[in-house]
Amino acid sequence: KTIYEEIIPTLTLPKEELEEFAASVTERFRNPFIDHALLSISLNSTSKWKARVMPSLKGYLKETGKLPSCITASFAFYIAFFCGEKLTEDGLVGMRNGNQYFFCCLCQNFAVLDFFFAHRNDSAKDLAHAVCTNEQFWGEDLSKLDGFEAEVCRYLEEIEEKGAYEVMRECLAS
């Protein structure tokens, strides 16, 4: 849904080429033999989100005047994923559903890990504001995108209440 409805409409390549690319990405995600750990995929996720997703967010907003719901939710998922409980010289320790996970300093920018650890006790509103306004991460203040910070906050609150999986499921169903 995100690829076809929120990303492709923002790109200027030939439609056939875009649809072929989208189909290949979708096929990869459906392949049960590809076991790609979420932590591996999350490697350098701040710079990846800025380079790969932010242009579609801004393009969609420019084209439609509305926020793309799944891309906006992806930003909240990114934030929730980095909410850690302990920071060591080796990295940030996170916890989800009783399972511990670890962001290695060699795999993530330590400034990102340090930032999220410093904001670990923030409310959803304060955390959304801190991340959206972090110009070191994004090269600009994302709170200036009309309604973006408020929607990110809403998604963060829903993630806290319902869990990321349920929020993702609802986003994709809408």
N, C-alpha and C. Protein backbone atom coordinates (compact mmCIF):
# COMPACT_ATOMS: atom_id res chain seq x y z
N LYS A 1 0.83 -1.19 0.00
CA LYS A 1 0.00 0.00 0.00
C LYS A 1 0.87 1.25 0.00
N THR A 2 1.87 1.26 0.85
CA THR A 2 2.74 2.43 0.94
C THR A 2 3.46 2.67 -0.36
N ILE A 3 4.00 1.62 -0.93
CA ILE A 3 4.75 1.77 -2.17
C ILE A 3 3.84 2.27 -3.30
N TYR A 4 2.70 1.61 -3.49
CA TYR A 4 1.83 1.93 -4.61
C TYR A 4 1.05 3.23 -4.43
N GLU A 5 0.62 3.52 -3.20
CA GLU A 5 -0.25 4.67 -2.99
C GLU A 5 0.46 5.93 -2.48
N GLU A 6 1.62 5.76 -1.84
CA GLU A 6 2.25 6.93 -1.24
C GLU A 6 3.64 7.24 -1.81
N ILE A 7 4.32 6.25 -2.36
CA ILE A 7 5.67 6.50 -2.87
C ILE A 7 5.66 6.69 -4.39
N ILE A 8 5.11 5.73 -5.12
CA ILE A 8 5.11 5.83 -6.59
C ILE A 8 4.51 7.14 -7.09
N PRO A 9 3.40 7.62 -6.52
CA PRO A 9 2.84 8.88 -7.03
C PRO A 9 3.78 10.09 -6.89
N THR A 10 4.81 9.98 -6.06
CA THR A 10 5.71 11.11 -5.86
C THR A 10 6.94 11.06 -6.75
N LEU A 11 7.11 9.99 -7.50
CA LEU A 11 8.31 9.81 -8.32
C LEU A 11 8.03 10.15 -9.77
N THR A 12 9.07 10.54 -10.48
CA THR A 12 8.90 11.01 -11.86
C THR A 12 9.41 10.03 -12.90
N LEU A 13 9.81 8.85 -12.50
CA LEU A 13 10.27 7.83 -13.45
C LEU A 13 9.08 7.29 -14.23
N PRO A 14 9.33 6.61 -15.35
CA PRO A 14 8.21 6.02 -16.11
C PRO A 14 7.40 5.06 -15.25
N LYS A 15 6.08 5.14 -15.38
CA LYS A 15 5.17 4.36 -14.55
C LYS A 15 5.47 2.86 -14.60
N GLU A 16 5.74 2.34 -15.78
CA GLU A 16 6.02 0.91 -15.93
C GLU A 16 7.26 0.51 -15.13
N GLU A 17 8.28 1.33 -15.17
CA GLU A 17 9.51 1.07 -14.43
C GLU A 17 9.25 1.09 -12.92
N LEU A 18 8.45 2.05 -12.46
CA LEU A 18 8.11 2.15 -11.05
C LEU A 18 7.31 0.94 -10.58
N GLU A 19 6.35 0.52 -11.39
CA GLU A 19 5.53 -0.63 -11.02
C GLU A 19 6.34 -1.93 -11.00
N GLU A 20 7.30 -2.06 -11.91
CA GLU A 20 8.18 -3.23 -11.90
C GLU A 20 9.02 -3.26 -10.63
N PHE A 21 9.56 -2.09 -10.27
CA PHE A 21 10.35 -2.00 -9.05
C PHE A 21 9.50 -2.34 -7.83
N ALA A 22 8.30 -1.77 -7.76
CA ALA A 22 7.40 -2.03 -6.63
C ALA A 22 7.07 -3.52 -6.54
N ALA A 23 6.82 -4.15 -7.67
CA ALA A 23 6.50 -5.58 -7.69
C ALA A 23 7.69 -6.40 -7.19
N SER A 24 8.90 -6.02 -7.56
CA SER A 24 10.07 -6.77 -7.11
C SER A 24 10.29 -6.61 -5.61
N VAL A 25 10.05 -5.42 -5.08
CA VAL A 25 10.16 -5.20 -3.64
C VAL A 25 9.11 -6.03 -2.90
N THR A 26 7.90 -5.98 -3.37
CA THR A 26 6.81 -6.74 -2.76
C THR A 26 7.09 -8.23 -2.79
N GLU A 27 7.61 -8.70 -3.90
CA GLU A 27 7.94 -10.12 -4.03
C GLU A 27 9.02 -10.52 -3.02
N ARG A 28 10.01 -9.66 -2.83
CA ARG A 28 11.05 -9.94 -1.84
C ARG A 28 10.47 -10.07 -0.44
N PHE A 29 9.55 -9.17 -0.08
CA PHE A 29 8.93 -9.22 1.24
C PHE A 29 8.09 -10.48 1.44
N ARG A 30 7.54 -10.98 0.37
CA ARG A 30 6.69 -12.18 0.46
C ARG A 30 7.48 -13.48 0.44
N ASN A 31 8.76 -13.42 0.11
CA ASN A 31 9.59 -14.61 0.01
C ASN A 31 9.88 -15.17 1.40
N PRO A 32 9.33 -16.35 1.74
CA PRO A 32 9.52 -16.90 3.09
C PRO A 32 10.95 -17.39 3.34
N PHE A 33 11.76 -17.46 2.32
CA PHE A 33 13.13 -17.96 2.48
C PHE A 33 14.13 -16.85 2.78
N ILE A 34 13.68 -15.60 2.70
CA ILE A 34 14.54 -14.48 3.06
C ILE A 34 14.27 -14.15 4.52
N ASP A 35 15.25 -14.42 5.34
CA ASP A 35 15.12 -14.17 6.78
C ASP A 35 16.01 -12.99 7.13
N HIS A 36 15.46 -11.81 6.99
CA HIS A 36 16.22 -10.60 7.25
C HIS A 36 15.78 -10.03 8.60
N ALA A 37 16.65 -10.08 9.57
CA ALA A 37 16.33 -9.62 10.92
C ALA A 37 16.06 -8.12 10.91
N LEU A 38 15.07 -7.71 11.69
CA LEU A 38 14.70 -6.31 11.79
C LEU A 38 15.89 -5.46 12.22
N LEU A 39 16.70 -5.96 13.13
CA LEU A 39 17.86 -5.19 13.56
C LEU A 39 18.85 -4.99 12.41
N SER A 40 18.97 -5.95 11.53
CA SER A 40 19.86 -5.78 10.37
C SER A 40 19.29 -4.73 9.42
N ILE A 41 17.99 -4.78 9.22
CA ILE A 41 17.34 -3.82 8.34
C ILE A 41 17.44 -2.41 8.92
N SER A 42 17.43 -2.31 10.25
CA SER A 42 17.44 -1.01 10.90
C SER A 42 18.80 -0.33 10.92
N LEU A 43 19.82 -0.98 10.41
CA LEU A 43 21.16 -0.41 10.36
C LEU A 43 21.11 0.98 9.74
N ASN A 44 21.62 1.96 10.46
CA ASN A 44 21.65 3.36 10.00
C ASN A 44 20.28 3.87 9.57
N SER A 45 19.26 3.51 10.32
CA SER A 45 17.89 3.83 9.91
C SER A 45 17.58 5.32 9.89
N THR A 46 18.25 6.13 10.67
CA THR A 46 17.98 7.57 10.62
C THR A 46 18.39 8.13 9.27
N SER A 47 19.59 7.82 8.84
CA SER A 47 20.05 8.33 7.54
C SER A 47 19.26 7.68 6.41
N LYS A 48 18.86 6.41 6.56
CA LYS A 48 18.04 5.76 5.54
C LYS A 48 16.68 6.43 5.42
N TRP A 49 16.04 6.74 6.56
CA TRP A 49 14.72 7.37 6.53
C TRP A 49 14.83 8.73 5.84
N LYS A 50 15.87 9.47 6.20
CA LYS A 50 16.06 10.80 5.60
C LYS A 50 16.25 10.70 4.09
N ALA A 51 17.09 9.78 3.65
CA ALA A 51 17.42 9.69 2.22
C ALA A 51 16.35 8.99 1.39
N ARG A 52 15.70 7.97 1.97
CA ARG A 52 14.81 7.13 1.17
C ARG A 52 13.33 7.42 1.36
N VAL A 53 12.94 7.88 2.54
CA VAL A 53 11.52 8.04 2.83
C VAL A 53 11.09 9.51 2.87
N MET A 54 11.92 10.35 3.45
CA MET A 54 11.56 11.76 3.58
C MET A 54 11.21 12.42 2.24
N PRO A 55 11.91 12.12 1.15
CA PRO A 55 11.50 12.73 -0.13
C PRO A 55 10.07 12.35 -0.54
N SER A 56 9.66 11.12 -0.27
CA SER A 56 8.29 10.72 -0.60
C SER A 56 7.28 11.40 0.32
N LEU A 57 7.62 11.56 1.59
CA LEU A 57 6.75 12.29 2.52
C LEU A 57 6.50 13.69 1.99
N LYS A 58 7.57 14.39 1.68
CA LYS A 58 7.45 15.77 1.22
C LYS A 58 6.80 15.86 -0.16
N GLY A 59 7.13 14.92 -1.03
CA GLY A 59 6.53 14.91 -2.36
C GLY A 59 5.03 14.66 -2.31
N TYR A 60 4.61 13.72 -1.48
CA TYR A 60 3.19 13.40 -1.34
C TYR A 60 2.44 14.61 -0.78
N LEU A 61 3.01 15.22 0.24
CA LEU A 61 2.39 16.39 0.85
C LEU A 61 2.26 17.52 -0.17
N LYS A 62 3.28 17.71 -0.98
CA LYS A 62 3.26 18.75 -2.01
C LYS A 62 2.22 18.45 -3.09
N GLU A 63 2.15 17.18 -3.51
CA GLU A 63 1.22 16.79 -4.58
C GLU A 63 -0.24 16.80 -4.14
N THR A 64 -0.50 16.33 -2.92
CA THR A 64 -1.89 16.14 -2.48
C THR A 64 -2.37 17.14 -1.44
N GLY A 65 -1.43 17.79 -0.75
CA GLY A 65 -1.82 18.68 0.34
C GLY A 65 -2.17 17.93 1.61
N LYS A 66 -1.97 16.60 1.58
CA LYS A 66 -2.28 15.76 2.75
C LYS A 66 -1.03 14.97 3.15
N LEU A 67 -1.02 14.55 4.40
CA LEU A 67 0.06 13.68 4.86
C LEU A 67 -0.19 12.25 4.40
N PRO A 68 0.84 11.56 3.96
CA PRO A 68 0.68 10.14 3.62
C PRO A 68 0.61 9.33 4.92
N SER A 69 -0.48 8.64 5.14
CA SER A 69 -0.70 8.00 6.45
C SER A 69 0.34 6.93 6.78
N CYS A 70 0.67 6.07 5.84
CA CYS A 70 1.62 4.99 6.15
C CYS A 70 3.04 5.51 6.33
N ILE A 71 3.44 6.48 5.52
CA ILE A 71 4.77 7.06 5.67
C ILE A 71 4.86 7.80 7.00
N THR A 72 3.82 8.53 7.35
CA THR A 72 3.81 9.24 8.63
C THR A 72 3.86 8.24 9.78
N ALA A 73 3.10 7.17 9.67
CA ALA A 73 3.14 6.13 10.70
C ALA A 73 4.53 5.51 10.78
N SER A 74 5.20 5.36 9.63
CA SER A 74 6.54 4.76 9.64
C SER A 74 7.50 5.59 10.46
N PHE A 75 7.31 6.89 10.47
CA PHE A 75 8.16 7.77 11.28
C PHE A 75 7.92 7.50 12.77
N ALA A 76 6.67 7.31 13.14
CA ALA A 76 6.34 6.99 14.54
C ALA A 76 6.89 5.61 14.91
N PHE A 77 6.82 4.65 13.99
CA PHE A 77 7.38 3.32 14.26
C PHE A 77 8.89 3.42 14.47
N TYR A 78 9.53 4.22 13.64
CA TYR A 78 10.98 4.46 13.77
C TYR A 78 11.29 4.99 15.17
N ILE A 79 10.53 6.00 15.62
CA ILE A 79 10.76 6.59 16.94
C ILE A 79 10.54 5.55 18.03
N ALA A 80 9.44 4.84 17.96
CA ALA A 80 9.13 3.84 19.00
C ALA A 80 10.20 2.75 19.06
N PHE A 81 10.72 2.37 17.92
CA PHE A 81 11.74 1.32 17.85
C PHE A 81 13.01 1.72 18.59
N PHE A 82 13.34 3.01 18.56
CA PHE A 82 14.56 3.48 19.19
C PHE A 82 14.40 3.87 20.66
N CYS A 83 13.25 3.65 21.24
CA CYS A 83 13.07 3.96 22.65
C CYS A 83 13.76 2.88 23.47
N GLY A 84 14.93 3.19 24.00
CA GLY A 84 15.72 2.22 24.73
C GLY A 84 15.63 2.40 26.23
N GLU A 85 16.14 1.42 26.94
CA GLU A 85 16.08 1.43 28.39
C GLU A 85 17.43 1.63 29.06
N LYS A 86 18.50 1.32 28.32
CA LYS A 86 19.83 1.43 28.92
C LYS A 86 20.81 1.75 27.80
N LEU A 87 21.73 2.68 28.09
CA LEU A 87 22.76 3.04 27.13
C LEU A 87 24.11 2.70 27.74
N THR A 88 24.90 1.94 27.01
CA THR A 88 26.24 1.60 27.44
C THR A 88 27.21 2.11 26.38
N GLU A 89 28.49 1.94 26.62
CA GLU A 89 29.47 2.36 25.61
C GLU A 89 29.37 1.50 24.36
N ASP A 90 28.71 0.35 24.49
CA ASP A 90 28.55 -0.56 23.34
C ASP A 90 27.29 -0.30 22.53
N GLY A 91 26.28 0.35 23.14
CA GLY A 91 25.06 0.61 22.41
C GLY A 91 23.85 0.81 23.29
N LEU A 92 22.69 0.76 22.69
CA LEU A 92 21.41 1.01 23.35
C LEU A 92 20.62 -0.29 23.44
N VAL A 93 20.08 -0.56 24.62
CA VAL A 93 19.29 -1.75 24.85
C VAL A 93 17.81 -1.36 24.85
N GLY A 94 17.04 -2.04 24.02
CA GLY A 94 15.60 -1.81 23.94
C GLY A 94 14.85 -3.05 24.41
N MET A 95 13.56 -2.89 24.65
CA MET A 95 12.74 -4.01 25.12
C MET A 95 11.37 -3.92 24.47
N ARG A 96 10.89 -5.04 23.91
CA ARG A 96 9.55 -5.12 23.35
C ARG A 96 8.96 -6.47 23.73
N ASN A 97 7.78 -6.43 24.32
CA ASN A 97 7.06 -7.66 24.69
C ASN A 97 7.94 -8.64 25.46
N GLY A 98 8.74 -8.11 26.37
CA GLY A 98 9.60 -8.96 27.19
C GLY A 98 10.86 -9.43 26.49
N ASN A 99 11.06 -9.05 25.25
CA ASN A 99 12.25 -9.45 24.50
C ASN A 99 13.21 -8.26 24.39
N GLN A 100 14.45 -8.51 24.74
CA GLN A 100 15.46 -7.47 24.68
C GLN A 100 16.11 -7.44 23.29
N TYR A 101 16.42 -6.25 22.82
CA TYR A 101 17.17 -6.12 21.58
C TYR A 101 18.23 -5.05 21.77
N PHE A 102 19.22 -5.06 20.91
CA PHE A 102 20.40 -4.24 21.11
C PHE A 102 20.79 -3.50 19.85
N PHE A 103 20.98 -2.19 19.97
CA PHE A 103 21.50 -1.37 18.88
C PHE A 103 22.98 -1.15 19.15
N CYS A 104 23.81 -1.78 18.39
CA CYS A 104 25.26 -1.69 18.51
C CYS A 104 25.75 -0.32 18.03
N CYS A 105 26.70 0.26 18.75
CA CYS A 105 27.26 1.55 18.33
C CYS A 105 27.94 1.48 16.98
N LEU A 106 28.42 0.31 16.60
CA LEU A 106 29.05 0.16 15.30
C LEU A 106 28.01 0.13 14.18
N CYS A 107 26.74 -0.19 14.54
CA CYS A 107 25.68 -0.32 13.55
C CYS A 107 24.79 0.92 13.45
N GLN A 108 24.87 1.77 14.44
CA GLN A 108 24.05 2.99 14.47
C GLN A 108 24.96 4.15 14.85
N ASN A 109 24.60 5.33 14.45
CA ASN A 109 25.30 6.52 14.86
C ASN A 109 25.08 6.70 16.37
N PHE A 110 26.17 6.81 17.13
CA PHE A 110 26.03 6.92 18.58
C PHE A 110 25.22 8.15 18.98
N ALA A 111 25.33 9.23 18.22
CA ALA A 111 24.56 10.44 18.53
C ALA A 111 23.05 10.15 18.48
N VAL A 112 22.62 9.28 17.57
CA VAL A 112 21.22 8.90 17.48
C VAL A 112 20.82 8.11 18.73
N LEU A 113 21.64 7.13 19.09
CA LEU A 113 21.34 6.32 20.28
C LEU A 113 21.31 7.19 21.53
N ASP A 114 22.27 8.09 21.66
CA ASP A 114 22.34 8.99 22.81
C ASP A 114 21.12 9.90 22.87
N PHE A 115 20.71 10.42 21.71
CA PHE A 115 19.53 11.29 21.64
C PHE A 115 18.29 10.56 22.15
N PHE A 116 18.06 9.37 21.61
CA PHE A 116 16.86 8.63 22.01
C PHE A 116 16.90 8.22 23.48
N PHE A 117 18.07 7.87 23.96
CA PHE A 117 18.17 7.52 25.38
C PHE A 117 17.87 8.75 26.25
N ALA A 118 18.35 9.90 25.84
CA ALA A 118 18.10 11.13 26.60
C ALA A 118 16.61 11.46 26.65
N HIS A 119 15.85 11.00 25.67
CA HIS A 119 14.41 11.30 25.59
C HIS A 119 13.53 10.11 25.97
N ARG A 120 14.12 9.10 26.59
CA ARG A 120 13.40 7.85 26.89
C ARG A 120 12.19 8.03 27.79
N ASN A 121 12.17 9.05 28.61
CA ASN A 121 11.04 9.26 29.53
C ASN A 121 10.09 10.35 29.07
N ASP A 122 10.28 10.86 27.86
CA ASP A 122 9.41 11.91 27.34
C ASP A 122 8.00 11.37 27.08
N SER A 123 7.03 12.25 27.16
CA SER A 123 5.68 11.91 26.72
C SER A 123 5.72 11.75 25.20
N ALA A 124 4.68 11.17 24.65
CA ALA A 124 4.61 11.02 23.19
C ALA A 124 4.70 12.39 22.52
N LYS A 125 4.04 13.37 23.08
CA LYS A 125 4.04 14.72 22.50
C LYS A 125 5.45 15.31 22.52
N ASP A 126 6.12 15.21 23.66
CA ASP A 126 7.47 15.77 23.77
C ASP A 126 8.47 15.00 22.91
N LEU A 127 8.31 13.70 22.84
CA LEU A 127 9.21 12.88 22.03
C LEU A 127 9.03 13.19 20.54
N ALA A 128 7.79 13.26 20.10
CA ALA A 128 7.52 13.60 18.69
C ALA A 128 8.13 14.96 18.36
N HIS A 129 7.96 15.91 19.26
CA HIS A 129 8.51 17.25 19.04
C HIS A 129 10.03 17.21 18.97
N ALA A 130 10.66 16.51 19.90
CA ALA A 130 12.12 16.45 19.93
C ALA A 130 12.68 15.83 18.65
N VAL A 131 12.05 14.76 18.18
CA VAL A 131 12.55 14.09 16.98
C VAL A 131 12.26 14.92 15.74
N CYS A 132 11.05 15.42 15.63
CA CYS A 132 10.69 16.21 14.44
C CYS A 132 11.55 17.46 14.30
N THR A 133 11.91 18.08 15.40
CA THR A 133 12.67 19.34 15.34
C THR A 133 14.18 19.12 15.35
N ASN A 134 14.64 17.88 15.31
CA ASN A 134 16.07 17.59 15.35
C ASN A 134 16.68 17.80 13.95
N GLU A 135 17.15 19.00 13.72
CA GLU A 135 17.69 19.34 12.40
C GLU A 135 19.00 18.62 12.11
N GLN A 136 19.70 18.15 13.14
CA GLN A 136 20.91 17.36 12.90
C GLN A 136 20.57 16.03 12.22
N PHE A 137 19.42 15.47 12.56
CA PHE A 137 18.99 14.21 11.93
C PHE A 137 18.48 14.44 10.51
N TRP A 138 17.62 15.44 10.34
CA TRP A 138 16.83 15.58 9.12
C TRP A 138 17.30 16.69 8.19
N GLY A 139 18.19 17.55 8.67
CA GLY A 139 18.64 18.67 7.84
C GLY A 139 17.62 19.79 7.78
N GLU A 140 16.55 19.64 8.51
CA GLU A 140 15.47 20.63 8.58
C GLU A 140 14.54 20.29 9.74
N ASP A 141 13.64 21.21 10.04
CA ASP A 141 12.68 21.03 11.11
C ASP A 141 11.39 20.44 10.53
N LEU A 142 11.18 19.14 10.77
CA LEU A 142 10.00 18.46 10.21
C LEU A 142 8.68 18.90 10.86
N SER A 143 8.77 19.58 11.99
CA SER A 143 7.53 20.07 12.61
C SER A 143 6.90 21.18 11.78
N LYS A 144 7.65 21.72 10.83
CA LYS A 144 7.12 22.76 9.95
C LYS A 144 6.27 22.19 8.82
N LEU A 145 6.29 20.87 8.65
CA LEU A 145 5.40 20.22 7.67
C LEU A 145 4.00 20.19 8.30
N ASP A 146 3.07 20.80 7.65
CA ASP A 146 1.73 21.00 8.21
C ASP A 146 1.10 19.71 8.76
N GLY A 147 0.91 19.67 10.06
CA GLY A 147 0.22 18.57 10.72
C GLY A 147 1.08 17.35 11.02
N PHE A 148 2.32 17.32 10.54
CA PHE A 148 3.16 16.12 10.66
C PHE A 148 3.44 15.77 12.12
N GLU A 149 3.91 16.72 12.90
CA GLU A 149 4.24 16.43 14.30
C GLU A 149 3.03 15.92 15.08
N ALA A 150 1.88 16.52 14.89
CA ALA A 150 0.67 16.09 15.59
C ALA A 150 0.28 14.66 15.20
N GLU A 151 0.40 14.33 13.92
CA GLU A 151 0.07 12.96 13.47
C GLU A 151 1.07 11.95 14.00
N VAL A 152 2.35 12.31 14.02
CA VAL A 152 3.37 11.43 14.58
C VAL A 152 3.07 11.18 16.06
N CYS A 153 2.71 12.22 16.77
CA CYS A 153 2.34 12.09 18.18
C CYS A 153 1.15 11.16 18.34
N ARG A 154 0.13 11.34 17.51
CA ARG A 154 -1.05 10.48 17.58
C ARG A 154 -0.68 9.02 17.36
N TYR A 155 0.15 8.77 16.36
CA TYR A 155 0.59 7.40 16.11
C TYR A 155 1.41 6.85 17.28
N LEU A 156 2.28 7.67 17.85
CA LEU A 156 3.06 7.21 19.00
C LEU A 156 2.15 6.83 20.17
N GLU A 157 1.13 7.63 20.42
CA GLU A 157 0.18 7.31 21.49
C GLU A 157 -0.55 6.01 21.19
N GLU A 158 -0.93 5.80 19.94
CA GLU A 158 -1.60 4.55 19.56
C GLU A 158 -0.65 3.36 19.70
N ILE A 159 0.61 3.54 19.35
CA ILE A 159 1.59 2.47 19.49
C ILE A 159 1.73 2.09 20.97
N GLU A 160 1.79 3.09 21.84
CA GLU A 160 1.88 2.83 23.28
C GLU A 160 0.64 2.08 23.78
N GLU A 161 -0.53 2.46 23.26
CA GLU A 161 -1.80 1.88 23.71
C GLU A 161 -2.06 0.50 23.13
N LYS A 162 -1.86 0.34 21.81
CA LYS A 162 -2.27 -0.88 21.11
C LYS A 162 -1.12 -1.78 20.69
N GLY A 163 0.08 -1.23 20.61
CA GLY A 163 1.22 -1.97 20.09
C GLY A 163 1.44 -1.65 18.61
N ALA A 164 2.69 -1.76 18.19
CA ALA A 164 3.06 -1.38 16.82
C ALA A 164 2.37 -2.24 15.78
N TYR A 165 2.26 -3.54 16.04
CA TYR A 165 1.66 -4.42 15.04
C TYR A 165 0.22 -4.02 14.73
N GLU A 166 -0.56 -3.75 15.77
CA GLU A 166 -1.97 -3.39 15.57
C GLU A 166 -2.08 -2.05 14.85
N VAL A 167 -1.24 -1.09 15.19
CA VAL A 167 -1.28 0.21 14.53
C VAL A 167 -0.90 0.06 13.06
N MET A 168 0.10 -0.76 12.77
CA MET A 168 0.50 -1.00 11.39
C MET A 168 -0.65 -1.67 10.62
N ARG A 169 -1.27 -2.65 11.24
CA ARG A 169 -2.38 -3.35 10.60
C ARG A 169 -3.52 -2.37 10.27
N GLU A 170 -3.86 -1.50 11.21
CA GLU A 170 -4.92 -0.51 11.00
C GLU A 170 -4.53 0.49 9.90
N CYS A 171 -3.29 0.89 9.89
CA CYS A 171 -2.82 1.84 8.88
C CYS A 171 -2.93 1.24 7.48
N LEU A 172 -2.53 0.02 7.34
CA LEU A 172 -2.58 -0.63 6.03
C LEU A 172 -4.01 -0.94 5.59
N ALA A 173 -4.92 -1.09 6.54
CA ALA A 173 -6.32 -1.40 6.21
C ALA A 173 -7.11 -0.15 5.81
N SER A 174 -6.62 1.02 6.20
CA SER A 174 -7.39 2.24 5.93
C SER A 174 -7.30 2.71 4.50
